[in-house]
Protein backbone atom coordinates (compact mmCIF):
# COMPACT_ATOMS: atom_id res chain seq x y z
CA UNK A 1 -2.77 7.99 -49.29
CA UNK A 2 -0.02 9.89 -47.43
CA UNK A 3 1.09 11.59 -50.64
CA UNK A 4 -2.45 12.77 -51.41
CA UNK A 5 -2.82 14.20 -47.88
CA UNK A 6 0.56 15.88 -48.22
CA UNK A 7 -0.37 17.41 -51.58
CA UNK A 8 -3.72 18.66 -50.24
CA UNK A 9 -1.96 20.22 -47.24
CA UNK A 10 0.53 21.99 -49.52
CA UNK A 11 -2.25 23.20 -51.81
CA UNK A 12 -4.08 24.71 -48.83
CA UNK A 13 -0.91 26.47 -47.69
CA UNK A 14 -0.38 27.95 -51.15
CA UNK A 15 -4.02 29.06 -51.45
CA UNK A 16 -4.36 30.60 -47.98
CA UNK A 17 -0.81 31.88 -47.49
CA UNK A 18 0.68 32.69 -44.12
CA UNK A 19 -1.37 32.04 -41.02
CA UNK A 20 -2.52 34.99 -38.97
CA UNK A 21 -0.49 34.55 -35.80
CA UNK A 22 2.79 33.23 -34.48
CA UNK A 23 1.21 30.06 -33.01
CA UNK A 24 -0.17 28.94 -36.36
CA UNK A 25 2.98 30.03 -38.19
CA UNK A 26 5.22 28.03 -35.86
CA UNK A 27 3.09 24.90 -36.17
CA UNK A 28 2.94 25.31 -39.95
CA UNK A 29 6.71 25.74 -40.12
CA UNK A 30 7.19 22.59 -38.02
CA UNK A 31 4.86 20.60 -40.27
CA UNK A 32 6.62 21.84 -43.41
CA UNK A 33 10.02 21.14 -41.86
CA UNK A 34 8.92 17.56 -41.20
CA UNK A 35 7.98 17.28 -44.90
CA UNK A 36 11.37 18.77 -45.87
CA UNK A 37 9.64 21.72 -47.56
CA UNK A 38 10.53 25.38 -47.24
CA UNK A 39 7.95 28.14 -47.52
CA UNK A 40 9.59 31.40 -48.56
CA UNK A 41 9.16 34.14 -45.99
CA UNK A 42 7.66 32.00 -43.22
CA UNK A 43 10.70 32.21 -40.94
CA UNK A 44 10.90 35.96 -41.57
CA UNK A 45 7.22 36.28 -40.63
CA UNK A 46 7.92 34.41 -37.38
CA UNK A 47 11.02 36.48 -36.58
CA UNK A 48 9.07 39.72 -37.04
CA UNK A 49 6.86 38.59 -34.15
CA UNK A 50 9.82 38.54 -31.75
CA UNK A 51 9.58 40.98 -28.82
CA UNK A 52 12.35 43.21 -27.46
CA UNK A 53 12.90 40.76 -24.57
CA UNK A 54 13.61 37.92 -27.03
CA UNK A 55 10.30 36.13 -26.49
CA UNK A 56 7.54 35.78 -29.03
CA UNK A 57 4.87 37.27 -26.80
CA UNK A 58 4.29 34.49 -24.29
CA UNK A 59 5.74 31.19 -23.17
CA UNK A 60 3.60 29.06 -25.51
CA UNK A 61 4.51 30.97 -28.66
CA UNK A 62 8.19 31.00 -27.68
CA UNK A 63 8.01 27.24 -26.98
CA UNK A 64 6.54 26.63 -30.44
CA UNK A 65 9.01 28.91 -32.24
CA UNK A 66 12.29 27.75 -30.69
CA UNK A 67 12.45 24.42 -32.59
CA UNK A 68 11.99 26.32 -35.87
CA UNK A 69 14.93 28.57 -35.06
CA UNK A 70 16.98 25.42 -34.38
CA UNK A 71 15.92 23.93 -37.74
CA UNK A 72 13.91 21.17 -36.08
CA UNK A 73 10.40 20.34 -34.91
CA UNK A 74 9.21 19.49 -31.39
CA UNK A 75 9.50 15.74 -31.93
CA UNK A 76 13.11 16.08 -33.10
CA UNK A 77 14.01 18.35 -30.17
CA UNK A 78 13.22 15.52 -27.77
CA UNK A 79 15.82 13.39 -29.53
CA UNK A 80 18.50 16.03 -28.99
CA UNK A 81 17.41 17.64 -25.73
CA UNK A 82 15.15 15.20 -23.93
CA UNK A 83 16.16 13.90 -20.55
CA UNK A 84 16.60 10.19 -20.44
CA UNK A 85 15.77 8.43 -17.24
CA UNK A 86 17.17 5.11 -16.19
CA UNK A 87 14.92 2.85 -14.13
CA UNK A 88 15.87 2.97 -10.47
CA UNK A 89 17.73 6.29 -10.66
CA UNK A 90 14.81 8.61 -9.96
CA UNK A 91 14.65 8.72 -6.18
CA UNK A 92 12.33 11.20 -4.58
CA UNK A 93 12.04 11.84 -0.88
CA UNK A 94 9.43 13.91 0.83
């Protein structure tokens, strides 16, 4: 079943081409990265959306694009960058 869903997803990408905005492109790139598939020109499309200040227009689009530039997806970024908390070490005082 997974393979048929994967093939249908890839067929839709080939038929419809690049998405229309950086949000969709970043999410598509993350999904393809998870499947270990490259889509020629997708990263270039994303990079062309970059603003002079280094962002991709707003915080959400930048948040979605950064894992792609690191060659990862959001789930993988947590493995490398996520804070780990140890029970009993988070002490808050008000």
